[in-house]
Structure formats: C-alpha cells, structure tokens
Amino acid sequence: SAYSNYIHEVDETGIQNVDRDELCHAYK
C-alpha cells in the first residue's frame, strides 16, 4: 500500500528529483 501511494504521488504530484532507484524498487 505504501509503495502504491508513493508511485501515485510521483505520477500525480510529480515529486521533484525523484530517486530512480527507489522508484524501480517500488515497481519490483
């Protein structure tokens, strides 16, 4: 649930300087 919310915030609000390593880890 936390990973899904994180991805949603990145997609919807566009977190600045998002860490690509963290994002791909969330998808995995």
mmCIF file of all heavy atoms, coordinates in Angstrom:
data_MODEL
# 
_entry.id   MODEL 
# 
loop_
_atom_site.group_PDB 
_atom_site.id 
_atom_site.type_symbol 
_atom_site.label_atom_id 
_atom_site.label_alt_id 
_atom_site.label_comp_id 
_atom_site.label_asym_id 
_atom_site.label_entity_id 
_atom_site.label_seq_id 
_atom_site.pdbx_PDB_ins_code 
_atom_site.Cartn_x 
_atom_site.Cartn_y 
_atom_site.Cartn_z 
_atom_site.occupancy 
_atom_site.B_iso_or_equiv 
_atom_site.pdbx_formal_charge 
_atom_site.auth_seq_id 
_atom_site.auth_comp_id 
_atom_site.auth_asym_id 
_atom_site.auth_atom_id 
_atom_site.pdbx_PDB_model_num 
ATOM 1   N N   . SER A 1 1  ? 0.826  -1.205 0.000   1.00 0.00 ? 1  SER A N   1 
ATOM 2   C CA  . SER A 1 1  ? 0.000  0.000  0.000   1.00 0.00 ? 1  SER A CA  1 
ATOM 3   C C   . SER A 1 1  ? 0.861  1.256  0.000   1.00 0.00 ? 1  SER A C   1 
ATOM 4   O O   . SER A 1 1  ? 0.587  2.223  -0.731  1.00 0.00 ? 1  SER A O   1 
ATOM 5   C CB  . SER A 1 1  ? -0.924 -0.015 1.220   1.00 0.00 ? 1  SER A CB  1 
ATOM 6   O OG  . SER A 1 1  ? -1.689 1.166  1.284   1.00 0.00 ? 1  SER A OG  1 
ATOM 7   N N   . ALA A 1 2  ? 1.912  1.259  0.817   1.00 0.00 ? 2  ALA A N   1 
ATOM 8   C CA  . ALA A 1 2  ? 2.805  2.424  0.885   1.00 0.00 ? 2  ALA A CA  1 
ATOM 9   C C   . ALA A 1 2  ? 3.533  2.636  -0.434  1.00 0.00 ? 2  ALA A C   1 
ATOM 10  O O   . ALA A 1 2  ? 3.662  3.771  -0.914  1.00 0.00 ? 2  ALA A O   1 
ATOM 11  C CB  . ALA A 1 2  ? 3.806  2.238  2.024   1.00 0.00 ? 2  ALA A CB  1 
ATOM 12  N N   . TYR A 1 3  ? 4.009  1.542  -1.054  1.00 0.00 ? 3  TYR A N   1 
ATOM 13  C CA  . TYR A 1 3  ? 4.682  1.663  -2.355  1.00 0.00 ? 3  TYR A CA  1 
ATOM 14  C C   . TYR A 1 3  ? 3.710  2.192  -3.419  1.00 0.00 ? 3  TYR A C   1 
ATOM 15  O O   . TYR A 1 3  ? 4.076  3.027  -4.257  1.00 0.00 ? 3  TYR A O   1 
ATOM 16  C CB  . TYR A 1 3  ? 5.238  0.311  -2.790  1.00 0.00 ? 3  TYR A CB  1 
ATOM 17  C CG  . TYR A 1 3  ? 6.597  -0.014 -2.215  1.00 0.00 ? 3  TYR A CG  1 
ATOM 18  C CD1 . TYR A 1 3  ? 6.821  -1.197 -1.521  1.00 0.00 ? 3  TYR A CD1 1 
ATOM 19  C CD2 . TYR A 1 3  ? 7.678  0.849  -2.399  1.00 0.00 ? 3  TYR A CD2 1 
ATOM 20  C CE1 . TYR A 1 3  ? 8.076  -1.504 -0.994  1.00 0.00 ? 3  TYR A CE1 1 
ATOM 21  C CE2 . TYR A 1 3  ? 8.933  0.556  -1.894  1.00 0.00 ? 3  TYR A CE2 1 
ATOM 22  C CZ  . TYR A 1 3  ? 9.128  -0.621 -1.182  1.00 0.00 ? 3  TYR A CZ  1 
ATOM 23  O OH  . TYR A 1 3  ? 10.367 -0.914 -0.670  1.00 0.00 ? 3  TYR A OH  1 
ATOM 24  N N   . SER A 1 4  ? 2.459  1.694  -3.397  1.00 0.00 ? 4  SER A N   1 
ATOM 25  C CA  . SER A 1 4  ? 1.453  2.160  -4.368  1.00 0.00 ? 4  SER A CA  1 
ATOM 26  C C   . SER A 1 4  ? 1.191  3.650  -4.199  1.00 0.00 ? 4  SER A C   1 
ATOM 27  O O   . SER A 1 4  ? 1.090  4.398  -5.183  1.00 0.00 ? 4  SER A O   1 
ATOM 28  C CB  . SER A 1 4  ? 0.153  1.384  -4.188  1.00 0.00 ? 4  SER A CB  1 
ATOM 29  O OG  . SER A 1 4  ? 0.337  0.015  -4.470  1.00 0.00 ? 4  SER A OG  1 
ATOM 30  N N   . ASN A 1 5  ? 1.064  4.098  -2.939  1.00 0.00 ? 5  ASN A N   1 
ATOM 31  C CA  . ASN A 1 5  ? 0.844  5.527  -2.680  1.00 0.00 ? 5  ASN A CA  1 
ATOM 32  C C   . ASN A 1 5  ? 2.026  6.366  -3.131  1.00 0.00 ? 5  ASN A C   1 
ATOM 33  O O   . ASN A 1 5  ? 1.866  7.478  -3.639  1.00 0.00 ? 5  ASN A O   1 
ATOM 34  C CB  . ASN A 1 5  ? 0.576  5.753  -1.191  1.00 0.00 ? 5  ASN A CB  1 
ATOM 35  C CG  . ASN A 1 5  ? -0.795 5.258  -0.773  1.00 0.00 ? 5  ASN A CG  1 
ATOM 36  O OD1 . ASN A 1 5  ? -1.710 5.209  -1.581  1.00 0.00 ? 5  ASN A OD1 1 
ATOM 37  N ND2 . ASN A 1 5  ? -0.943 4.888  0.495   1.00 0.00 ? 5  ASN A ND2 1 
ATOM 38  N N   . TYR A 1 6  ? 3.235  5.819  -2.923  1.00 0.00 ? 6  TYR A N   1 
ATOM 39  C CA  . TYR A 1 6  ? 4.442  6.531  -3.352  1.00 0.00 ? 6  TYR A CA  1 
ATOM 40  C C   . TYR A 1 6  ? 4.440  6.724  -4.870  1.00 0.00 ? 6  TYR A C   1 
ATOM 41  O O   . TYR A 1 6  ? 4.676  7.837  -5.373  1.00 0.00 ? 6  TYR A O   1 
ATOM 42  C CB  . TYR A 1 6  ? 5.678  5.751  -2.915  1.00 0.00 ? 6  TYR A CB  1 
ATOM 43  C CG  . TYR A 1 6  ? 6.982  6.316  -3.437  1.00 0.00 ? 6  TYR A CG  1 
ATOM 44  C CD1 . TYR A 1 6  ? 7.502  7.508  -2.937  1.00 0.00 ? 6  TYR A CD1 1 
ATOM 45  C CD2 . TYR A 1 6  ? 7.692  5.668  -4.450  1.00 0.00 ? 6  TYR A CD2 1 
ATOM 46  C CE1 . TYR A 1 6  ? 8.700  8.034  -3.413  1.00 0.00 ? 6  TYR A CE1 1 
ATOM 47  C CE2 . TYR A 1 6  ? 8.885  6.181  -4.933  1.00 0.00 ? 6  TYR A CE2 1 
ATOM 48  C CZ  . TYR A 1 6  ? 9.379  7.357  -4.422  1.00 0.00 ? 6  TYR A CZ  1 
ATOM 49  O OH  . TYR A 1 6  ? 10.555 7.879  -4.890  1.00 0.00 ? 6  TYR A OH  1 
ATOM 50  N N   . ILE A 1 7  ? 4.140  5.648  -5.597  1.00 0.00 ? 7  ILE A N   1 
ATOM 51  C CA  . ILE A 1 7  ? 4.100  5.735  -7.061  1.00 0.00 ? 7  ILE A CA  1 
ATOM 52  C C   . ILE A 1 7  ? 3.002  6.691  -7.514  1.00 0.00 ? 7  ILE A C   1 
ATOM 53  O O   . ILE A 1 7  ? 3.183  7.489  -8.446  1.00 0.00 ? 7  ILE A O   1 
ATOM 54  C CB  . ILE A 1 7  ? 3.893  4.330  -7.660  1.00 0.00 ? 7  ILE A CB  1 
ATOM 55  C CG1 . ILE A 1 7  ? 5.150  3.487  -7.437  1.00 0.00 ? 7  ILE A CG1 1 
ATOM 56  C CG2 . ILE A 1 7  ? 3.565  4.411  -9.150  1.00 0.00 ? 7  ILE A CG2 1 
ATOM 57  C CD1 . ILE A 1 7  ? 4.976  2.015  -7.765  1.00 0.00 ? 7  ILE A CD1 1 
ATOM 58  N N   . HIS A 1 8  ? 1.865  6.642  -6.823  1.00 0.00 ? 8  HIS A N   1 
ATOM 59  C CA  . HIS A 1 8  ? 0.763  7.543  -7.164  1.00 0.00 ? 8  HIS A CA  1 
ATOM 60  C C   . HIS A 1 8  ? 1.179  9.006  -6.977  1.00 0.00 ? 8  HIS A C   1 
ATOM 61  O O   . HIS A 1 8  ? 0.864  9.863  -7.829  1.00 0.00 ? 8  HIS A O   1 
ATOM 62  C CB  . HIS A 1 8  ? -0.450 7.226  -6.279  1.00 0.00 ? 8  HIS A CB  1 
ATOM 63  C CG  . HIS A 1 8  ? -1.605 8.159  -6.496  1.00 0.00 ? 8  HIS A CG  1 
ATOM 64  N ND1 . HIS A 1 8  ? -2.415 8.104  -7.615  1.00 0.00 ? 8  HIS A ND1 1 
ATOM 65  C CD2 . HIS A 1 8  ? -2.078 9.195  -5.740  1.00 0.00 ? 8  HIS A CD2 1 
ATOM 66  C CE1 . HIS A 1 8  ? -3.322 9.039  -7.545  1.00 0.00 ? 8  HIS A CE1 1 
ATOM 67  N NE2 . HIS A 1 8  ? -3.154 9.718  -6.419  1.00 0.00 ? 8  HIS A NE2 1 
ATOM 68  N N   . GLU A 1 9  ? 1.892  9.309  -5.882  1.00 0.00 ? 9  GLU A N   1 
ATOM 69  C CA  . GLU A 1 9  ? 2.340  10.689 -5.636  1.00 0.00 ? 9  GLU A CA  1 
ATOM 70  C C   . GLU A 1 9  ? 3.332  11.137 -6.699  1.00 0.00 ? 9  GLU A C   1 
ATOM 71  O O   . GLU A 1 9  ? 3.314  12.285 -7.140  1.00 0.00 ? 9  GLU A O   1 
ATOM 72  C CB  . GLU A 1 9  ? 2.970  10.804 -4.241  1.00 0.00 ? 9  GLU A CB  1 
ATOM 73  C CG  . GLU A 1 9  ? 1.955  10.824 -3.116  1.00 0.00 ? 9  GLU A CG  1 
ATOM 74  C CD  . GLU A 1 9  ? 2.554  11.281 -1.804  1.00 0.00 ? 9  GLU A CD  1 
ATOM 75  O OE1 . GLU A 1 9  ? 3.753  11.644 -1.784  1.00 0.00 ? 9  GLU A OE1 1 
ATOM 76  O OE2 . GLU A 1 9  ? 1.831  11.278 -0.791  1.00 0.00 ? 9  GLU A OE2 1 
ATOM 77  N N   . VAL A 1 10 ? 4.208  10.222 -7.099  1.00 0.00 ? 10 VAL A N   1 
ATOM 78  C CA  . VAL A 1 10 ? 5.179  10.562 -8.147  1.00 0.00 ? 10 VAL A CA  1 
ATOM 79  C C   . VAL A 1 10 ? 4.449  10.884 -9.456  1.00 0.00 ? 10 VAL A C   1 
ATOM 80  O O   . VAL A 1 10 ? 4.774  11.854 -10.147 1.00 0.00 ? 10 VAL A O   1 
ATOM 81  C CB  . VAL A 1 10 ? 6.185  9.409  -8.351  1.00 0.00 ? 10 VAL A CB  1 
ATOM 82  C CG1 . VAL A 1 10 ? 7.060  9.672  -9.581  1.00 0.00 ? 10 VAL A CG1 1 
ATOM 83  C CG2 . VAL A 1 10 ? 7.059  9.244  -7.123  1.00 0.00 ? 10 VAL A CG2 1 
ATOM 84  N N   . ASP A 1 11 ? 3.435  10.055 -9.793  1.00 0.00 ? 11 ASP A N   1 
ATOM 85  C CA  . ASP A 1 11 ? 2.698  10.254 -11.047 1.00 0.00 ? 11 ASP A CA  1 
ATOM 86  C C   . ASP A 1 11 ? 1.806  11.491 -11.006 1.00 0.00 ? 11 ASP A C   1 
ATOM 87  O O   . ASP A 1 11 ? 1.734  12.250 -11.975 1.00 0.00 ? 11 ASP A O   1 
ATOM 88  C CB  . ASP A 1 11 ? 1.839  9.022  -11.338 1.00 0.00 ? 11 ASP A CB  1 
ATOM 89  C CG  . ASP A 1 11 ? 2.680  7.796  -11.677 1.00 0.00 ? 11 ASP A CG  1 
ATOM 90  O OD1 . ASP A 1 11 ? 3.846  7.985  -12.073 1.00 0.00 ? 11 ASP A OD1 1 
ATOM 91  O OD2 . ASP A 1 11 ? 2.175  6.664  -11.531 1.00 0.00 ? 11 ASP A OD2 1 
ATOM 92  N N   . GLU A 1 12 ? 1.132  11.694 -9.862  1.00 0.00 ? 12 GLU A N   1 
ATOM 93  C CA  . GLU A 1 12 ? 0.132  12.751 -9.781  1.00 0.00 ? 12 GLU A CA  1 
ATOM 94  C C   . GLU A 1 12 ? 0.720  14.119 -9.438  1.00 0.00 ? 12 GLU A C   1 
ATOM 95  O O   . GLU A 1 12 ? 0.368  15.125 -10.047 1.00 0.00 ? 12 GLU A O   1 
ATOM 96  C CB  . GLU A 1 12 ? -0.932 12.385 -8.734  1.00 0.00 ? 12 GLU A CB  1 
ATOM 97  C CG  . GLU A 1 12 ? -1.772 11.176 -9.107  1.00 0.00 ? 12 GLU A CG  1 
ATOM 98  C CD  . GLU A 1 12 ? -2.601 11.406 -10.360 1.00 0.00 ? 12 GLU A CD  1 
ATOM 99  O OE1 . GLU A 1 12 ? -3.126 12.519 -10.506 1.00 0.00 ? 12 GLU A OE1 1 
ATOM 100 O OE2 . GLU A 1 12 ? -2.716 10.479 -11.178 1.00 0.00 ? 12 GLU A OE2 1 
ATOM 101 N N   . THR A 1 13 ? 1.590  14.138 -8.439  1.00 0.00 ? 13 THR A N   1 
ATOM 102 C CA  . THR A 1 13 ? 2.118  15.428 -7.957  1.00 0.00 ? 13 THR A CA  1 
ATOM 103 C C   . THR A 1 13 ? 3.489  15.738 -8.506  1.00 0.00 ? 13 THR A C   1 
ATOM 104 O O   . THR A 1 13 ? 3.955  16.868 -8.388  1.00 0.00 ? 13 THR A O   1 
ATOM 105 C CB  . THR A 1 13 ? 2.169  15.446 -6.417  1.00 0.00 ? 13 THR A CB  1 
ATOM 106 O OG1 . THR A 1 13 ? 3.050  14.398 -5.959  1.00 0.00 ? 13 THR A OG1 1 
ATOM 107 C CG2 . THR A 1 13 ? 0.796  15.198 -5.828  1.00 0.00 ? 13 THR A CG2 1 
ATOM 108 N N   . GLY A 1 14 ? 4.165  14.738 -9.060  1.00 0.00 ? 14 GLY A N   1 
ATOM 109 C CA  . GLY A 1 14 ? 5.484  14.981 -9.645  1.00 0.00 ? 14 GLY A CA  1 
ATOM 110 C C   . GLY A 1 14 ? 6.515  15.383 -8.624  1.00 0.00 ? 14 GLY A C   1 
ATOM 111 O O   . GLY A 1 14 ? 6.992  16.508 -8.610  1.00 0.00 ? 14 GLY A O   1 
ATOM 112 N N   . ILE A 1 15 ? 6.868  14.474 -7.716  1.00 0.00 ? 15 ILE A N   1 
ATOM 113 C CA  . ILE A 1 15 ? 7.896  14.750 -6.714  1.00 0.00 ? 15 ILE A CA  1 
ATOM 114 C C   . ILE A 1 15 ? 9.187  15.154 -7.414  1.00 0.00 ? 15 ILE A C   1 
ATOM 115 O O   . ILE A 1 15 ? 9.654  14.474 -8.330  1.00 0.00 ? 15 ILE A O   1 
ATOM 116 C CB  . ILE A 1 15 ? 8.137  13.519 -5.821  1.00 0.00 ? 15 ILE A CB  1 
ATOM 117 C CG1 . ILE A 1 15 ? 6.867  13.184 -5.026  1.00 0.00 ? 15 ILE A CG1 1 
ATOM 118 C CG2 . ILE A 1 15 ? 9.301  13.750 -4.877  1.00 0.00 ? 15 ILE A CG2 1 
ATOM 119 C CD1 . ILE A 1 15 ? 6.972  11.907 -4.217  1.00 0.00 ? 15 ILE A CD1 1 
ATOM 120 N N   . GLN A 1 16 ? 9.739  16.274 -6.996  1.00 0.00 ? 16 GLN A N   1 
ATOM 121 C CA  . GLN A 1 16 ? 10.954 16.778 -7.619  1.00 0.00 ? 16 GLN A CA  1 
ATOM 122 C C   . GLN A 1 16 ? 12.159 15.905 -7.261  1.00 0.00 ? 16 GLN A C   1 
ATOM 123 O O   . GLN A 1 16 ? 12.268 15.383 -6.161  1.00 0.00 ? 16 GLN A O   1 
ATOM 124 C CB  . GLN A 1 16 ? 11.224 18.231 -7.165  1.00 0.00 ? 16 GLN A CB  1 
ATOM 125 C CG  . GLN A 1 16 ? 10.128 19.198 -7.568  1.00 0.00 ? 16 GLN A CG  1 
ATOM 126 C CD  . GLN A 1 16 ? 9.989  19.341 -9.063  1.00 0.00 ? 16 GLN A CD  1 
ATOM 127 O OE1 . GLN A 1 16 ? 10.968 19.423 -9.788  1.00 0.00 ? 16 GLN A OE1 1 
ATOM 128 N NE2 . GLN A 1 16 ? 8.744  19.355 -9.535  1.00 0.00 ? 16 GLN A NE2 1 
ATOM 129 N N   . ASN A 1 17 ? 13.059 15.740 -8.240  1.00 0.00 ? 17 ASN A N   1 
ATOM 130 C CA  . ASN A 1 17 ? 14.304 14.985 -8.022  1.00 0.00 ? 17 ASN A CA  1 
ATOM 131 C C   . ASN A 1 17 ? 14.024 13.579 -7.481  1.00 0.00 ? 17 ASN A C   1 
ATOM 132 O O   . ASN A 1 17 ? 14.645 13.123 -6.535  1.00 0.00 ? 17 ASN A O   1 
ATOM 133 C CB  . ASN A 1 17 ? 15.228 15.742 -7.055  1.00 0.00 ? 17 ASN A CB  1 
ATOM 134 C CG  . ASN A 1 17 ? 15.552 17.136 -7.543  1.00 0.00 ? 17 ASN A CG  1 
ATOM 135 O OD1 . ASN A 1 17 ? 15.778 17.348 -8.730  1.00 0.00 ? 17 ASN A OD1 1 
ATOM 136 N ND2 . ASN A 1 17 ? 15.559 18.101 -6.631  1.00 0.00 ? 17 ASN A ND2 1 
ATOM 137 N N   . VAL A 1 18 ? 13.037 12.905 -8.081  1.00 0.00 ? 18 VAL A N   1 
ATOM 138 C CA  . VAL A 1 18 ? 12.686 11.571 -7.623  1.00 0.00 ? 18 VAL A CA  1 
ATOM 139 C C   . VAL A 1 18 ? 13.861 10.620 -7.842  1.00 0.00 ? 18 VAL A C   1 
ATOM 140 O O   . VAL A 1 18 ? 14.577 10.702 -8.846  1.00 0.00 ? 18 VAL A O   1 
ATOM 141 C CB  . VAL A 1 18 ? 11.419 11.070 -8.351  1.00 0.00 ? 18 VAL A CB  1 
ATOM 142 C CG1 . VAL A 1 18 ? 11.661 10.923 -9.848  1.00 0.00 ? 18 VAL A CG1 1 
ATOM 143 C CG2 . VAL A 1 18 ? 10.948 9.763  -7.761  1.00 0.00 ? 18 VAL A CG2 1 
ATOM 144 N N   . ASP A 1 19 ? 14.086 9.745  -6.894  1.00 0.00 ? 19 ASP A N   1 
ATOM 145 C CA  . ASP A 1 19 ? 15.177 8.772  -6.948  1.00 0.00 ? 19 ASP A CA  1 
ATOM 146 C C   . ASP A 1 19 ? 14.739 7.593  -7.823  1.00 0.00 ? 19 ASP A C   1 
ATOM 147 O O   . ASP A 1 19 ? 13.835 6.838  -7.471  1.00 0.00 ? 19 ASP A O   1 
ATOM 148 C CB  . ASP A 1 19 ? 15.499 8.299  -5.529  1.00 0.00 ? 19 ASP A CB  1 
ATOM 149 C CG  . ASP A 1 19 ? 16.791 7.485  -5.479  1.00 0.00 ? 19 ASP A CG  1 
ATOM 150 O OD1 . ASP A 1 19 ? 17.112 6.825  -6.492  1.00 0.00 ? 19 ASP A OD1 1 
ATOM 151 O OD2 . ASP A 1 19 ? 17.463 7.510  -4.426  1.00 0.00 ? 19 ASP A OD2 1 
ATOM 152 N N   . ARG A 1 20 ? 15.397 7.422  -8.959  1.00 0.00 ? 20 ARG A N   1 
ATOM 153 C CA  . ARG A 1 20 ? 15.021 6.347  -9.887  1.00 0.00 ? 20 ARG A CA  1 
ATOM 154 C C   . ARG A 1 20 ? 15.218 4.966  -9.259  1.00 0.00 ? 20 ARG A C   1 
ATOM 155 O O   . ARG A 1 20 ? 14.442 4.035  -9.533  1.00 0.00 ? 20 ARG A O   1 
ATOM 156 C CB  . ARG A 1 20 ? 15.846 6.458  -11.174 1.00 0.00 ? 20 ARG A CB  1 
ATOM 157 C CG  . ARG A 1 20 ? 15.429 7.619  -12.074 1.00 0.00 ? 20 ARG A CG  1 
ATOM 158 C CD  . ARG A 1 20 ? 16.380 7.740  -13.257 1.00 0.00 ? 20 ARG A CD  1 
ATOM 159 N NE  . ARG A 1 20 ? 16.455 6.525  -14.038 1.00 0.00 ? 20 ARG A NE  1 
ATOM 160 C CZ  . ARG A 1 20 ? 15.618 6.193  -15.020 1.00 0.00 ? 20 ARG A CZ  1 
ATOM 161 N NH1 . ARG A 1 20 ? 14.637 7.019  -15.343 1.00 0.00 ? 20 ARG A NH1 1 
ATOM 162 N NH2 . ARG A 1 20 ? 15.763 5.068  -15.700 1.00 0.00 ? 20 ARG A NH2 1 
ATOM 163 N N   . ASP A 1 21 ? 16.252 4.820  -8.441  1.00 0.00 ? 21 ASP A N   1 
ATOM 164 C CA  . ASP A 1 21 ? 16.481 3.535  -7.785  1.00 0.00 ? 21 ASP A CA  1 
ATOM 165 C C   . ASP A 1 21 ? 15.312 3.168  -6.881  1.00 0.00 ? 21 ASP A C   1 
ATOM 166 O O   . ASP A 1 21 ? 14.872 2.009  -6.843  1.00 0.00 ? 21 ASP A O   1 
ATOM 167 C CB  . ASP A 1 21 ? 17.771 3.583  -6.954  1.00 0.00 ? 21 ASP A CB  1 
ATOM 168 C CG  . ASP A 1 21 ? 19.004 3.656  -7.832  1.00 0.00 ? 21 ASP A CG  1 
ATOM 169 O OD1 . ASP A 1 21 ? 18.892 3.312  -9.022  1.00 0.00 ? 21 ASP A OD1 1 
ATOM 170 O OD2 . ASP A 1 21 ? 20.074 4.047  -7.323  1.00 0.00 ? 21 ASP A OD2 1 
ATOM 171 N N   . GLU A 1 22 ? 14.814 4.164  -6.136  1.00 0.00 ? 22 GLU A N   1 
ATOM 172 C CA  . GLU A 1 22 ? 13.683 3.914  -5.230  1.00 0.00 ? 22 GLU A CA  1 
ATOM 173 C C   . GLU A 1 22 ? 12.424 3.572  -6.031  1.00 0.00 ? 22 GLU A C   1 
ATOM 174 O O   . GLU A 1 22 ? 11.645 2.688  -5.656  1.00 0.00 ? 22 GLU A O   1 
ATOM 175 C CB  . GLU A 1 22 ? 13.425 5.130  -4.345  1.00 0.00 ? 22 GLU A CB  1 
ATOM 176 C CG  . GLU A 1 22 ? 14.588 5.550  -3.456  1.00 0.00 ? 22 GLU A CG  1 
ATOM 177 C CD  . GLU A 1 22 ? 14.845 4.572  -2.309  1.00 0.00 ? 22 GLU A CD  1 
ATOM 178 O OE1 . GLU A 1 22 ? 14.253 3.476  -2.321  1.00 0.00 ? 22 GLU A OE1 1 
ATOM 179 O OE2 . GLU A 1 22 ? 15.622 4.902  -1.415  1.00 0.00 ? 22 GLU A OE2 1 
ATOM 180 N N   . LEU A 1 23 ? 12.218 4.273  -7.150  1.00 0.00 ? 23 LEU A N   1 
ATOM 181 C CA  . LEU A 1 23 ? 11.013 4.074  -7.940  1.00 0.00 ? 23 LEU A CA  1 
ATOM 182 C C   . LEU A 1 23 ? 10.988 2.682  -8.579  1.00 0.00 ? 23 LEU A C   1 
ATOM 183 O O   . LEU A 1 23 ? 9.975  1.977  -8.526  1.00 0.00 ? 23 LEU A O   1 
ATOM 184 C CB  . LEU A 1 23 ? 10.920 5.156  -9.015  1.00 0.00 ? 23 LEU A CB  1 
ATOM 185 C CG  . LEU A 1 23 ? 9.582  5.317  -9.727  1.00 0.00 ? 23 LEU A CG  1 
ATOM 186 C CD1 . LEU A 1 23 ? 8.465  5.583  -8.736  1.00 0.00 ? 23 LEU A CD1 1 
ATOM 187 C CD2 . LEU A 1 23 ? 9.660  6.439  -10.758 1.00 0.00 ? 23 LEU A CD2 1 
ATOM 188 N N   . CYS A 1 24 ? 12.129 2.279  -9.159  1.00 0.00 ? 24 CYS A N   1 
ATOM 189 C CA  . CYS A 1 24 ? 12.146 0.953  -9.791  1.00 0.00 ? 24 CYS A CA  1 
ATOM 190 C C   . CYS A 1 24 ? 12.055 -0.149 -8.729  1.00 0.00 ? 24 CYS A C   1 
ATOM 191 O O   . CYS A 1 24 ? 11.453 -1.205 -8.974  1.00 0.00 ? 24 CYS A O   1 
ATOM 192 C CB  . CYS A 1 24 ? 13.388 0.779  -10.663 1.00 0.00 ? 24 CYS A CB  1 
ATOM 193 S SG  . CYS A 1 24 ? 14.965 0.741  -9.780  1.00 0.00 ? 24 CYS A SG  1 
ATOM 194 N N   . HIS A 1 25 ? 12.614 0.096  -7.544  1.00 0.00 ? 25 HIS A N   1 
ATOM 195 C CA  . HIS A 1 25 ? 12.484 -0.866 -6.450  1.00 0.00 ? 25 HIS A CA  1 
ATOM 196 C C   . HIS A 1 25 ? 11.017 -1.006 -6.033  1.00 0.00 ? 25 HIS A C   1 
ATOM 197 O O   . HIS A 1 25 ? 10.554 -2.122 -5.722  1.00 0.00 ? 25 HIS A O   1 
ATOM 198 C CB  . HIS A 1 25 ? 13.327 -0.421 -5.253  1.00 0.00 ? 25 HIS A CB  1 
ATOM 199 C CG  . HIS A 1 25 ? 13.224 -1.335 -4.076  1.00 0.00 ? 25 HIS A CG  1 
ATOM 200 N ND1 . HIS A 1 25 ? 13.907 -2.526 -3.993  1.00 0.00 ? 25 HIS A ND1 1 
ATOM 201 C CD2 . HIS A 1 25 ? 12.492 -1.241 -2.930  1.00 0.00 ? 25 HIS A CD2 1 
ATOM 202 C CE1 . HIS A 1 25 ? 13.601 -3.131 -2.843  1.00 0.00 ? 25 HIS A CE1 1 
ATOM 203 N NE2 . HIS A 1 25 ? 12.753 -2.369 -2.179  1.00 0.00 ? 25 HIS A NE2 1 
ATOM 204 N N   . ALA A 1 26 ? 10.284 0.107  -6.040  1.00 0.00 ? 26 ALA A N   1 
ATOM 205 C CA  . ALA A 1 26 ? 8.860  0.070  -5.692  1.00 0.00 ? 26 ALA A CA  1 
ATOM 206 C C   . ALA A 1 26 ? 8.085  -0.779 -6.699  1.00 0.00 ? 26 ALA A C   1 
ATOM 207 O O   . ALA A 1 26 ? 7.247  -1.613 -6.322  1.00 0.00 ? 26 ALA A O   1 
ATOM 208 C CB  . ALA A 1 26 ? 8.303  1.488  -5.644  1.00 0.00 ? 26 ALA A CB  1 
ATOM 209 N N   . TYR A 1 27 ? 8.353  -0.577 -7.991  1.00 0.00 ? 27 TYR A N   1 
ATOM 210 C CA  . TYR A 1 27 ? 7.674  -1.376 -9.019  1.00 0.00 ? 27 TYR A CA  1 
ATOM 211 C C   . TYR A 1 27 ? 8.001  -2.865 -8.858  1.00 0.00 ? 27 TYR A C   1 
ATOM 212 O O   . TYR A 1 27 ? 7.123  -3.725 -9.016  1.00 0.00 ? 27 TYR A O   1 
ATOM 213 C CB  . TYR A 1 27 ? 8.076  -0.903 -10.414 1.00 0.00 ? 27 TYR A CB  1 
ATOM 214 C CG  . TYR A 1 27 ? 7.420  0.394  -10.838 1.00 0.00 ? 27 TYR A CG  1 
ATOM 215 C CD1 . TYR A 1 27 ? 8.178  1.494  -11.207 1.00 0.00 ? 27 TYR A CD1 1 
ATOM 216 C CD2 . TYR A 1 27 ? 6.032  0.505  -10.872 1.00 0.00 ? 27 TYR A CD2 1 
ATOM 217 C CE1 . TYR A 1 27 ? 7.582  2.687  -11.602 1.00 0.00 ? 27 TYR A CE1 1 
ATOM 218 C CE2 . TYR A 1 27 ? 5.423  1.690  -11.262 1.00 0.00 ? 27 TYR A CE2 1 
ATOM 219 C CZ  . TYR A 1 27 ? 6.205  2.780  -11.630 1.00 0.00 ? 27 TYR A CZ  1 
ATOM 220 O OH  . TYR A 1 27 ? 5.594  3.943  -12.013 1.00 0.00 ? 27 TYR A OH  1 
ATOM 221 N N   . LYS A 1 28 ? 9.267  -3.164 -8.575  1.00 0.00 ? 28 LYS A N   1 
ATOM 222 C CA  . LYS A 1 28 ? 9.677  -4.561 -8.428  1.00 0.00 ? 28 LYS A CA  1 
ATOM 223 C C   . LYS A 1 28 ? 8.963  -5.216 -7.252  1.00 0.00 ? 28 LYS A C   1 
ATOM 224 O O   . LYS A 1 28 ? 8.474  -6.358 -7.352  1.00 0.00 ? 28 LYS A O   1 
ATOM 225 C CB  . LYS A 1 28 ? 11.195 -4.644 -8.234  1.00 0.00 ? 28 LYS A CB  1 
ATOM 226 C CG  . LYS A 1 28 ? 11.723 -6.074 -8.180  1.00 0.00 ? 28 LYS A CG  1 
ATOM 227 C CD  . LYS A 1 28 ? 13.229 -6.102 -8.021  1.00 0.00 ? 28 LYS A CD  1 
ATOM 228 C CE  . LYS A 1 28 ? 13.633 -5.803 -6.589  1.00 0.00 ? 28 LYS A CE  1 
ATOM 229 N NZ  . LYS A 1 28 ? 15.061 -6.023 -6.342  1.00 0.00 ? 28 LYS A NZ  1 
# 
